[in-house]
Amino acid sequence: MEGDHGERNERGGSAEVDERDAISHDDDDGRLDPAIVAVLLRLRDAAVEARGAPWSLAKLGKRARVPMSTLRRTLTQLDAAGLTETILRDDGTGRAMLTAQGLEWCAALFGDAAAARGDA
């Protein structure tokens, strides 16, 4: 399996690797995974628009423009890193929001949400 870096290994892979990948990179150049960036940006929007209330996974996935499988995988990584809190129900639905640490991290990465939206 040449070229397989373990990122798509759905059966194996350790949680330790997944946690490190949650905030590190999507390839060898050290940039953040675009799905992680999209989800973090939309969760930052939710923190402003919904005054901190969690968004449904369906709404978050639609706004972030990522498939539900990618969203769930990304949220698992971000939850493990302490940046998000995801609540999943037995019926498969759920909600997600940034933690206080996630809000701080987003502010450091992307700047102030209110200023970015032109509200400040």
N, C-alpha and C. Protein backbone atom coordinates (compact mmCIF):
# COMPACT_ATOMS: atom_id res chain seq x y z
N MET A 1 0.83 -1.18 0.00
CA MET A 1 0.00 0.00 0.00
C MET A 1 0.87 1.24 0.00
N GLU A 2 1.50 1.49 -1.08
CA GLU A 2 2.36 2.67 -1.16
C GLU A 2 1.51 3.93 -1.13
N GLY A 3 2.04 4.96 -0.49
CA GLY A 3 1.35 6.24 -0.44
C GLY A 3 0.29 6.32 0.65
N ASP A 4 0.01 5.18 1.31
CA ASP A 4 -0.98 5.20 2.37
C ASP A 4 -0.32 5.68 3.66
N HIS A 5 -0.74 6.81 4.15
CA HIS A 5 -0.16 7.41 5.34
C HIS A 5 -0.95 7.07 6.59
N GLY A 6 -1.91 6.15 6.47
CA GLY A 6 -2.69 5.75 7.62
C GLY A 6 -3.89 6.64 7.90
N GLU A 7 -4.06 7.72 7.16
CA GLU A 7 -5.14 8.64 7.45
C GLU A 7 -6.50 8.05 7.10
N ARG A 8 -6.55 7.13 6.15
CA ARG A 8 -7.82 6.58 5.72
C ARG A 8 -8.06 5.17 6.26
N ASN A 9 -7.24 4.75 7.18
CA ASN A 9 -7.37 3.44 7.76
C ASN A 9 -8.53 3.44 8.74
N GLU A 10 -9.68 2.88 8.31
CA GLU A 10 -10.88 2.92 9.12
C GLU A 10 -10.91 1.81 10.17
N ARG A 11 -10.13 0.74 10.00
CA ARG A 11 -10.16 -0.37 10.93
C ARG A 11 -9.07 -0.29 11.97
N GLY A 12 -7.93 0.23 11.60
CA GLY A 12 -6.80 0.27 12.52
C GLY A 12 -6.54 1.68 12.98
N GLY A 13 -5.30 1.93 13.30
CA GLY A 13 -4.92 3.27 13.73
C GLY A 13 -5.22 3.48 15.20
N SER A 14 -4.32 4.12 15.86
CA SER A 14 -4.50 4.33 17.29
C SER A 14 -5.15 5.67 17.55
N ALA A 15 -5.81 5.79 18.69
CA ALA A 15 -6.43 7.05 19.08
C ALA A 15 -5.36 8.12 19.25
N GLU A 16 -4.16 7.71 19.68
CA GLU A 16 -3.07 8.67 19.87
C GLU A 16 -2.73 9.37 18.57
N VAL A 17 -2.66 8.63 17.47
CA VAL A 17 -2.37 9.23 16.17
C VAL A 17 -3.51 10.16 15.77
N ASP A 18 -4.76 9.72 15.95
CA ASP A 18 -5.90 10.54 15.58
C ASP A 18 -5.92 11.85 16.36
N GLU A 19 -5.63 11.81 17.66
CA GLU A 19 -5.62 13.03 18.46
C GLU A 19 -4.56 14.00 17.96
N ARG A 20 -3.38 13.49 17.63
CA ARG A 20 -2.31 14.34 17.15
C ARG A 20 -2.69 14.95 15.81
N ASP A 21 -3.32 14.16 14.94
CA ASP A 21 -3.73 14.66 13.64
C ASP A 21 -4.85 15.69 13.74
N ALA A 22 -5.60 15.68 14.83
CA ALA A 22 -6.72 16.60 14.99
C ALA A 22 -6.28 18.05 14.91
N ILE A 23 -5.10 18.34 15.39
CA ILE A 23 -4.68 19.73 15.41
C ILE A 23 -3.40 19.95 14.64
N SER A 24 -2.85 18.92 14.04
CA SER A 24 -1.55 19.11 13.42
C SER A 24 -1.64 19.42 11.94
N HIS A 25 -2.00 18.46 11.12
CA HIS A 25 -1.88 18.69 9.69
C HIS A 25 -2.69 17.70 8.88
N ASP A 26 -2.85 18.03 7.59
CA ASP A 26 -3.51 17.09 6.69
C ASP A 26 -2.52 16.45 5.74
N ASP A 27 -1.33 16.96 5.66
CA ASP A 27 -0.29 16.36 4.84
C ASP A 27 1.06 16.75 5.42
N ASP A 28 2.11 16.55 4.66
CA ASP A 28 3.44 16.75 5.21
C ASP A 28 3.89 18.20 5.31
N ASP A 29 3.08 19.16 4.86
CA ASP A 29 3.53 20.55 4.91
C ASP A 29 3.10 21.27 6.20
N GLY A 30 2.42 20.58 7.11
CA GLY A 30 2.09 21.15 8.41
C GLY A 30 0.83 21.98 8.46
N ARG A 31 0.09 22.09 7.38
CA ARG A 31 -1.15 22.87 7.39
C ARG A 31 -2.28 22.07 8.04
N LEU A 32 -3.24 22.79 8.60
CA LEU A 32 -4.41 22.14 9.19
C LEU A 32 -5.26 21.50 8.11
N ASP A 33 -5.89 20.40 8.46
CA ASP A 33 -6.83 19.72 7.57
C ASP A 33 -7.96 20.70 7.24
N PRO A 34 -8.31 20.86 5.96
CA PRO A 34 -9.38 21.80 5.59
C PRO A 34 -10.71 21.50 6.27
N ALA A 35 -11.02 20.24 6.52
CA ALA A 35 -12.27 19.89 7.21
C ALA A 35 -12.25 20.43 8.64
N ILE A 36 -11.11 20.33 9.30
CA ILE A 36 -10.99 20.85 10.67
C ILE A 36 -11.18 22.36 10.67
N VAL A 37 -10.56 23.03 9.72
CA VAL A 37 -10.69 24.49 9.62
C VAL A 37 -12.15 24.87 9.39
N ALA A 38 -12.81 24.19 8.44
CA ALA A 38 -14.21 24.50 8.12
C ALA A 38 -15.11 24.29 9.33
N VAL A 39 -14.93 23.19 10.04
CA VAL A 39 -15.77 22.90 11.20
C VAL A 39 -15.51 23.91 12.32
N LEU A 40 -14.25 24.22 12.58
CA LEU A 40 -13.94 25.21 13.62
C LEU A 40 -14.52 26.58 13.28
N LEU A 41 -14.42 26.99 12.03
CA LEU A 41 -14.97 28.29 11.63
C LEU A 41 -16.48 28.33 11.81
N ARG A 42 -17.17 27.25 11.41
CA ARG A 42 -18.62 27.22 11.55
C ARG A 42 -19.03 27.15 13.02
N LEU A 43 -18.28 26.43 13.84
CA LEU A 43 -18.59 26.40 15.27
C LEU A 43 -18.34 27.75 15.92
N ARG A 44 -17.36 28.48 15.41
CA ARG A 44 -17.13 29.84 15.91
C ARG A 44 -18.32 30.72 15.52
N ASP A 45 -18.83 30.55 14.29
CA ASP A 45 -20.03 31.28 13.88
C ASP A 45 -21.21 30.95 14.80
N ALA A 46 -21.35 29.66 15.12
CA ALA A 46 -22.44 29.23 16.00
C ALA A 46 -22.34 29.89 17.37
N ALA A 47 -21.13 30.02 17.87
CA ALA A 47 -20.92 30.63 19.18
C ALA A 47 -21.40 32.08 19.18
N VAL A 48 -21.28 32.75 18.04
CA VAL A 48 -21.71 34.14 17.93
C VAL A 48 -23.22 34.21 17.64
N GLU A 49 -23.67 33.48 16.61
CA GLU A 49 -25.06 33.55 16.17
C GLU A 49 -26.03 32.97 17.20
N ALA A 50 -25.67 31.86 17.79
CA ALA A 50 -26.57 31.16 18.71
C ALA A 50 -26.22 31.44 20.17
N ARG A 51 -25.37 32.42 20.40
CA ARG A 51 -24.94 32.80 21.76
C ARG A 51 -24.43 31.59 22.55
N GLY A 52 -23.63 30.78 21.87
CA GLY A 52 -23.00 29.64 22.54
C GLY A 52 -23.79 28.36 22.51
N ALA A 53 -25.03 28.40 22.05
CA ALA A 53 -25.84 27.18 22.00
C ALA A 53 -25.28 26.24 20.92
N PRO A 54 -25.32 24.95 21.18
CA PRO A 54 -24.79 24.01 20.18
C PRO A 54 -25.66 23.97 18.94
N TRP A 55 -25.02 23.71 17.81
CA TRP A 55 -25.73 23.51 16.55
C TRP A 55 -25.95 22.02 16.33
N SER A 56 -27.01 21.69 15.60
CA SER A 56 -27.22 20.29 15.24
C SER A 56 -26.11 19.86 14.28
N LEU A 57 -25.81 18.57 14.28
CA LEU A 57 -24.78 18.07 13.37
C LEU A 57 -25.20 18.28 11.92
N ALA A 58 -26.50 18.17 11.63
CA ALA A 58 -26.97 18.38 10.27
C ALA A 58 -26.70 19.82 9.82
N LYS A 59 -27.01 20.78 10.66
CA LYS A 59 -26.77 22.19 10.33
C LYS A 59 -25.28 22.46 10.20
N LEU A 60 -24.51 21.93 11.14
CA LEU A 60 -23.06 22.14 11.11
C LEU A 60 -22.44 21.55 9.86
N GLY A 61 -22.83 20.33 9.51
CA GLY A 61 -22.29 19.69 8.30
C GLY A 61 -22.64 20.47 7.04
N LYS A 62 -23.88 20.96 6.98
CA LYS A 62 -24.31 21.73 5.82
C LYS A 62 -23.53 23.04 5.72
N ARG A 63 -23.41 23.75 6.83
CA ARG A 63 -22.68 25.03 6.83
C ARG A 63 -21.19 24.84 6.54
N ALA A 64 -20.61 23.76 7.07
CA ALA A 64 -19.17 23.51 6.86
C ALA A 64 -18.91 22.86 5.50
N ARG A 65 -19.98 22.41 4.85
CA ARG A 65 -19.87 21.75 3.53
C ARG A 65 -18.98 20.51 3.58
N VAL A 66 -19.24 19.69 4.60
CA VAL A 66 -18.52 18.42 4.71
C VAL A 66 -19.54 17.30 4.88
N PRO A 67 -19.25 16.11 4.34
CA PRO A 67 -20.15 14.97 4.53
C PRO A 67 -20.25 14.61 6.01
N MET A 68 -21.36 13.98 6.38
CA MET A 68 -21.58 13.63 7.79
C MET A 68 -20.47 12.74 8.33
N SER A 69 -19.97 11.81 7.53
CA SER A 69 -18.89 10.93 8.01
C SER A 69 -17.63 11.74 8.33
N THR A 70 -17.32 12.71 7.50
CA THR A 70 -16.16 13.58 7.74
C THR A 70 -16.40 14.45 8.97
N LEU A 71 -17.61 14.96 9.09
CA LEU A 71 -17.95 15.79 10.26
C LEU A 71 -17.79 15.00 11.55
N ARG A 72 -18.34 13.79 11.59
CA ARG A 72 -18.26 12.97 12.81
C ARG A 72 -16.82 12.63 13.15
N ARG A 73 -16.02 12.29 12.14
CA ARG A 73 -14.60 11.97 12.37
C ARG A 73 -13.86 13.20 12.88
N THR A 74 -14.12 14.35 12.27
CA THR A 74 -13.48 15.60 12.68
C THR A 74 -13.86 15.97 14.11
N LEU A 75 -15.14 15.86 14.44
CA LEU A 75 -15.58 16.18 15.79
C LEU A 75 -14.99 15.22 16.82
N THR A 76 -14.81 13.96 16.46
CA THR A 76 -14.17 13.01 17.37
C THR A 76 -12.75 13.47 17.68
N GLN A 77 -12.04 13.92 16.66
CA GLN A 77 -10.67 14.41 16.85
C GLN A 77 -10.65 15.68 17.68
N LEU A 78 -11.55 16.60 17.38
CA LEU A 78 -11.60 17.87 18.11
C LEU A 78 -12.06 17.67 19.55
N ASP A 79 -12.99 16.74 19.78
CA ASP A 79 -13.40 16.41 21.15
C ASP A 79 -12.21 15.86 21.94
N ALA A 80 -11.45 14.97 21.32
CA ALA A 80 -10.28 14.38 21.99
C ALA A 80 -9.24 15.44 22.33
N ALA A 81 -9.17 16.48 21.52
CA ALA A 81 -8.22 17.57 21.76
C ALA A 81 -8.76 18.58 22.76
N GLY A 82 -10.03 18.44 23.16
CA GLY A 82 -10.62 19.35 24.13
C GLY A 82 -11.14 20.64 23.53
N LEU A 83 -11.27 20.70 22.21
CA LEU A 83 -11.70 21.94 21.55
C LEU A 83 -13.20 22.01 21.33
N THR A 84 -13.85 20.86 21.27
CA THR A 84 -15.30 20.82 21.04
C THR A 84 -15.94 19.86 22.02
N GLU A 85 -17.26 20.00 22.14
CA GLU A 85 -18.06 19.05 22.91
C GLU A 85 -19.20 18.61 22.00
N THR A 86 -19.28 17.32 21.76
CA THR A 86 -20.30 16.76 20.89
C THR A 86 -21.21 15.86 21.71
N ILE A 87 -22.51 16.04 21.51
CA ILE A 87 -23.51 15.22 22.18
C ILE A 87 -24.21 14.41 21.10
N LEU A 88 -24.10 13.08 21.19
CA LEU A 88 -24.73 12.19 20.22
C LEU A 88 -25.88 11.45 20.88
N ARG A 89 -26.99 11.34 20.14
CA ARG A 89 -28.16 10.62 20.64
C ARG A 89 -28.20 9.22 20.03
N ASP A 90 -29.00 8.37 20.62
CA ASP A 90 -29.14 6.99 20.12
C ASP A 90 -29.65 6.93 18.69
N ASP A 91 -30.44 7.92 18.29
CA ASP A 91 -31.01 7.91 16.93
C ASP A 91 -30.03 8.44 15.88
N GLY A 92 -28.80 8.76 16.28
CA GLY A 92 -27.79 9.21 15.33
C GLY A 92 -27.69 10.71 15.18
N THR A 93 -28.65 11.44 15.73
CA THR A 93 -28.57 12.90 15.67
C THR A 93 -27.69 13.40 16.80
N GLY A 94 -27.36 14.66 16.73
CA GLY A 94 -26.53 15.21 17.79
C GLY A 94 -26.32 16.70 17.63
N ARG A 95 -25.54 17.24 18.54
CA ARG A 95 -25.22 18.66 18.56
C ARG A 95 -23.76 18.82 18.91
N ALA A 96 -23.18 19.95 18.50
CA ALA A 96 -21.77 20.22 18.80
C ALA A 96 -21.58 21.70 19.09
N MET A 97 -20.57 21.96 19.91
CA MET A 97 -20.22 23.34 20.25
C MET A 97 -18.75 23.41 20.62
N LEU A 98 -18.19 24.61 20.56
CA LEU A 98 -16.82 24.82 21.01
C LEU A 98 -16.78 24.85 22.53
N THR A 99 -15.71 24.34 23.09
CA THR A 99 -15.45 24.49 24.52
C THR A 99 -14.80 25.86 24.74
N ALA A 100 -14.58 26.22 25.98
CA ALA A 100 -13.87 27.47 26.28
C ALA A 100 -12.48 27.45 25.65
N GLN A 101 -11.82 26.30 25.74
CA GLN A 101 -10.50 26.15 25.12
C GLN A 101 -10.61 26.29 23.60
N GLY A 102 -11.66 25.74 23.02
CA GLY A 102 -11.88 25.85 21.58
C GLY A 102 -12.11 27.28 21.14
N LEU A 103 -12.88 28.02 21.94
CA LEU A 103 -13.11 29.44 21.64
C LEU A 103 -11.80 30.22 21.66
N GLU A 104 -10.97 29.95 22.66
CA GLU A 104 -9.67 30.63 22.74
C GLU A 104 -8.79 30.26 21.56
N TRP A 105 -8.79 28.99 21.22
CA TRP A 105 -7.96 28.50 20.11
C TRP A 105 -8.40 29.14 18.79
N CYS A 106 -9.72 29.21 18.57
CA CYS A 106 -10.24 29.83 17.34
C CYS A 106 -9.91 31.32 17.29
N ALA A 107 -10.01 32.00 18.43
CA ALA A 107 -9.66 33.42 18.47
C ALA A 107 -8.19 33.61 18.11
N ALA A 108 -7.33 32.73 18.60
CA ALA A 108 -5.90 32.83 18.29
C ALA A 108 -5.63 32.52 16.82
N LEU A 109 -6.33 31.53 16.28
CA LEU A 109 -6.10 31.14 14.88
C LEU A 109 -6.73 32.08 13.88
N PHE A 110 -7.98 32.45 14.13
CA PHE A 110 -8.77 33.16 13.12
C PHE A 110 -9.07 34.60 13.48
N GLY A 111 -8.73 35.04 14.68
CA GLY A 111 -9.06 36.39 15.11
C GLY A 111 -10.42 36.42 15.77
N ASP A 112 -10.82 37.60 16.21
CA ASP A 112 -12.09 37.79 16.91
C ASP A 112 -13.25 37.56 15.96
N ALA A 113 -14.22 36.75 16.37
CA ALA A 113 -15.37 36.41 15.53
C ALA A 113 -16.21 37.63 15.20
N ALA A 114 -16.47 38.49 16.17
CA ALA A 114 -17.30 39.66 15.94
C ALA A 114 -16.63 40.60 14.94
N ALA A 115 -15.33 40.78 15.08
CA ALA A 115 -14.60 41.65 14.15
C ALA A 115 -14.59 41.04 12.75
N ALA A 116 -14.44 39.72 12.68
CA ALA A 116 -14.40 39.05 11.38
C ALA A 116 -15.73 39.17 10.66
N ARG A 117 -16.84 39.24 11.42
CA ARG A 117 -18.16 39.33 10.83
C ARG A 117 -18.58 40.78 10.60
N GLY A 118 -17.78 41.73 11.07
CA GLY A 118 -18.11 43.13 10.91
C GLY A 118 -19.05 43.65 11.98
N ASP A 119 -19.20 42.90 13.09
CA ASP A 119 -20.09 43.30 14.17
C ASP A 119 -19.42 44.22 15.18
N ALA A 120 -18.11 44.30 15.14
CA ALA A 120 -17.40 45.11 16.14
C ALA A 120 -17.14 46.50 15.65
